[in-house]
């Protein structure tokens, strides 16, 4: 996954890549999923975190990261969600195309 630097989160936790914007997170998602779809051994995938880390105390706030589709106020990252929706909507036709190639 990719974490965007355009949030107020420090992105100190997690193993994901760091990109500039939520749009870049969407591009990363598209690229990664298309790679999975090309591989005949992949049986599925999922998005691990629905929502960004939630600050429970000031000490933990230093380690929060942009991992979710929603921020901690339940607001979606529109550019990321748009990329996910567009690719997921066409998923079966993309798979069919890839299998014929």
C-alpha atoms as a PDB file:
ATOM      1  CA  UNK A   1       0.000   0.000   0.000  1.00  0.00           C
ATOM      2  CA  UNK A   2       0.999   3.654  -0.217  1.00  0.00           C
ATOM      3  CA  UNK A   3       0.679   6.428   2.352  1.00  0.00           C
ATOM      4  CA  UNK A   4       0.020   9.994   1.188  1.00  0.00           C
ATOM      5  CA  UNK A   5       2.045  12.949   2.426  1.00  0.00           C
ATOM      6  CA  UNK A   6      -0.880  15.341   1.810  1.00  0.00           C
ATOM      7  CA  UNK A   7      -2.470  14.492   5.172  1.00  0.00           C
ATOM      8  CA  UNK A   8      -1.578  15.796   8.630  1.00  0.00           C
ATOM      9  CA  UNK A   9      -0.354  12.339   9.630  1.00  0.00           C
ATOM     10  CA  UNK A  10       3.395  11.769  10.094  1.00  0.00           C
ATOM     11  CA  UNK A  11       3.337   8.345   8.320  1.00  0.00           C
ATOM     12  CA  UNK A  12       5.854   6.850  10.737  1.00  0.00           C
ATOM     13  CA  UNK A  13       4.263   3.409  11.115  1.00  0.00           C
ATOM     14  CA  UNK A  14       3.618   0.650   8.632  1.00  0.00           C
ATOM     15  CA  UNK A  15       5.647  -0.811   5.817  1.00  0.00           C
ATOM     16  CA  UNK A  16       3.881   0.945   2.933  1.00  0.00           C
ATOM     17  CA  UNK A  17       5.463   3.232   0.363  1.00  0.00           C
ATOM     18  CA  UNK A  18       5.115   7.006   0.799  1.00  0.00           C
ATOM     19  CA  UNK A  19       3.753   9.088  -2.100  1.00  0.00           C
ATOM     20  CA  UNK A  20       2.910  12.792  -2.432  1.00  0.00           C
ATOM     21  CA  UNK A  21      -0.880  12.813  -2.851  1.00  0.00           C
ATOM     22  CA  UNK A  22      -4.050  10.739  -2.604  1.00  0.00           C
ATOM     23  CA  UNK A  23      -4.153  10.718  -6.389  1.00  0.00           C
ATOM     24  CA  UNK A  24      -0.714   9.090  -6.302  1.00  0.00           C
ATOM     25  CA  UNK A  25      -2.094   6.529  -3.831  1.00  0.00           C
ATOM     26  CA  UNK A  26      -4.782   5.747  -6.425  1.00  0.00           C
ATOM     27  CA  UNK A  27      -2.192   5.328  -9.166  1.00  0.00           C
ATOM     28  CA  UNK A  28      -0.159   3.061  -6.880  1.00  0.00           C
ATOM     29  CA  UNK A  29      -3.293   0.993  -6.203  1.00  0.00           C
ATOM     30  CA  UNK A  30      -4.069   0.665  -9.927  1.00  0.00           C
ATOM     31  CA  UNK A  31      -0.510  -0.368 -10.765  1.00  0.00           C
ATOM     32  CA  UNK A  32      -0.288  -2.872  -7.910  1.00  0.00           C
ATOM     33  CA  UNK A  33      -3.673  -4.478  -8.574  1.00  0.00           C
ATOM     34  CA  UNK A  34      -3.068  -4.732 -12.314  1.00  0.00           C
ATOM     35  CA  UNK A  35       0.165  -6.556 -11.486  1.00  0.00           C
ATOM     36  CA  UNK A  36      -1.755  -8.965  -9.262  1.00  0.00           C
ATOM     37  CA  UNK A  37      -4.369  -9.490 -11.962  1.00  0.00           C
ATOM     38  CA  UNK A  38      -1.676 -10.336 -14.520  1.00  0.00           C
ATOM     39  CA  UNK A  39      -0.319 -13.110 -12.326  1.00  0.00           C
ATOM     40  CA  UNK A  40      -2.310 -16.305 -12.745  1.00  0.00           C
ATOM     41  CA  UNK A  41      -1.385 -17.441  -9.232  1.00  0.00           C
ATOM     42  CA  UNK A  42      -3.209 -14.593  -7.494  1.00  0.00           C
ATOM     43  CA  UNK A  43      -6.588 -15.647  -6.114  1.00  0.00           C
ATOM     44  CA  UNK A  44      -7.623 -12.290  -4.638  1.00  0.00           C
ATOM     45  CA  UNK A  45      -6.655  -9.187  -2.727  1.00  0.00           C
ATOM     46  CA  UNK A  46      -8.104  -6.770  -0.178  1.00  0.00           C
ATOM     47  CA  UNK A  47      -7.460  -3.343   1.344  1.00  0.00           C
ATOM     48  CA  UNK A  48      -6.170  -3.884   4.873  1.00  0.00           C
ATOM     49  CA  UNK A  49      -7.220  -0.651   6.646  1.00  0.00           C
ATOM     50  CA  UNK A  50     -10.640   0.898   6.066  1.00  0.00           C
ATOM     51  CA  UNK A  51      -9.810   4.017   8.107  1.00  0.00           C
ATOM     52  CA  UNK A  52      -6.615   5.892   8.964  1.00  0.00           C
ATOM     53  CA  UNK A  53      -5.077   5.350  12.374  1.00  0.00           C
ATOM     54  CA  UNK A  54      -7.031   7.078  15.118  1.00  0.00           C
ATOM     55  CA  UNK A  55      -5.066   9.120  17.691  1.00  0.00           C
ATOM     56  CA  UNK A  56      -5.849   7.702  21.128  1.00  0.00           C
ATOM     57  CA  UNK A  57      -3.219   9.707  22.976  1.00  0.00           C
ATOM     58  CA  UNK A  58      -0.531  12.236  22.161  1.00  0.00           C
ATOM     59  CA  UNK A  59       2.267   9.667  22.340  1.00  0.00           C
ATOM     60  CA  UNK A  60       0.590   7.411  19.742  1.00  0.00           C
ATOM     61  CA  UNK A  61      -0.215  10.421  17.526  1.00  0.00           C
ATOM     62  CA  UNK A  62       3.485  10.623  16.606  1.00  0.00           C
ATOM     63  CA  UNK A  63       3.254   7.227  14.883  1.00  0.00           C
ATOM     64  CA  UNK A  64      -0.020   7.552  12.938  1.00  0.00           C
ATOM     65  CA  UNK A  65      -0.119   6.816   9.222  1.00  0.00           C
ATOM     66  CA  UNK A  66      -2.337   7.359   6.195  1.00  0.00           C
ATOM     67  CA  UNK A  67      -3.394   3.750   5.564  1.00  0.00           C
ATOM     68  CA  UNK A  68      -7.151   4.012   5.097  1.00  0.00           C
ATOM     69  CA  UNK A  69      -9.693   4.779   2.425  1.00  0.00           C
ATOM     70  CA  UNK A  70     -11.280   7.138   4.993  1.00  0.00           C
ATOM     71  CA  UNK A  71      -9.600   9.609   7.321  1.00  0.00           C
ATOM     72  CA  UNK A  72     -10.237   9.436  11.077  1.00  0.00           C
ATOM     73  CA  UNK A  73     -13.297  11.714  10.634  1.00  0.00           C
ATOM     74  CA  UNK A  74     -14.919   9.180   8.251  1.00  0.00           C
ATOM     75  CA  UNK A  75     -14.201  11.391   5.208  1.00  0.00           C
ATOM     76  CA  UNK A  76     -13.207   9.422   2.099  1.00  0.00           C
ATOM     77  CA  UNK A  77     -10.037  10.174   0.169  1.00  0.00           C
ATOM     78  CA  UNK A  78     -11.880  10.928  -3.062  1.00  0.00           C
ATOM     79  CA  UNK A  79      -9.019  10.514  -5.552  1.00  0.00           C
ATOM     80  CA  UNK A  80      -7.982   7.181  -4.036  1.00  0.00           C
ATOM     81  CA  UNK A  81     -11.575   5.922  -3.882  1.00  0.00           C
ATOM     82  CA  UNK A  82     -12.169   6.989  -7.494  1.00  0.00           C
ATOM     83  CA  UNK A  83      -9.178   4.958  -8.711  1.00  0.00           C
ATOM     84  CA  UNK A  84     -10.299   1.962  -6.686  1.00  0.00           C
ATOM     85  CA  UNK A  85     -13.877   2.170  -7.947  1.00  0.00           C
ATOM     86  CA  UNK A  86     -12.876   2.555 -11.604  1.00  0.00           C
ATOM     87  CA  UNK A  87     -10.506  -0.400 -11.551  1.00  0.00           C
ATOM     88  CA  UNK A  88     -12.755  -2.625  -9.441  1.00  0.00           C
ATOM     89  CA  UNK A  89     -15.756  -1.904 -11.675  1.00  0.00           C
ATOM     90  CA  UNK A  90     -13.837  -3.169 -14.701  1.00  0.00           C
ATOM     91  CA  UNK A  91     -12.095  -6.006 -12.848  1.00  0.00           C
ATOM     92  CA  UNK A  92     -13.707  -8.954 -14.596  1.00  0.00           C
ATOM     93  CA  UNK A  93     -13.340  -7.481 -18.083  1.00  0.00           C
ATOM     94  CA  UNK A  94      -9.683  -6.696 -17.354  1.00  0.00           C
ATOM     95  CA  UNK A  95      -9.114 -10.265 -16.174  1.00  0.00           C
ATOM     96  CA  UNK A  96     -10.803 -11.606 -19.284  1.00  0.00           C
ATOM     97  CA  UNK A  97      -8.571  -9.434 -21.484  1.00  0.00           C
ATOM     98  CA  UNK A  98      -5.421 -10.481 -19.606  1.00  0.00           C
ATOM     99  CA  UNK A  99      -6.298 -14.180 -19.880  1.00  0.00           C
ATOM    100  CA  UNK A 100      -6.771 -13.880 -23.656  1.00  0.00           C
ATOM    101  CA  UNK A 101      -3.428 -12.087 -24.148  1.00  0.00           C
END
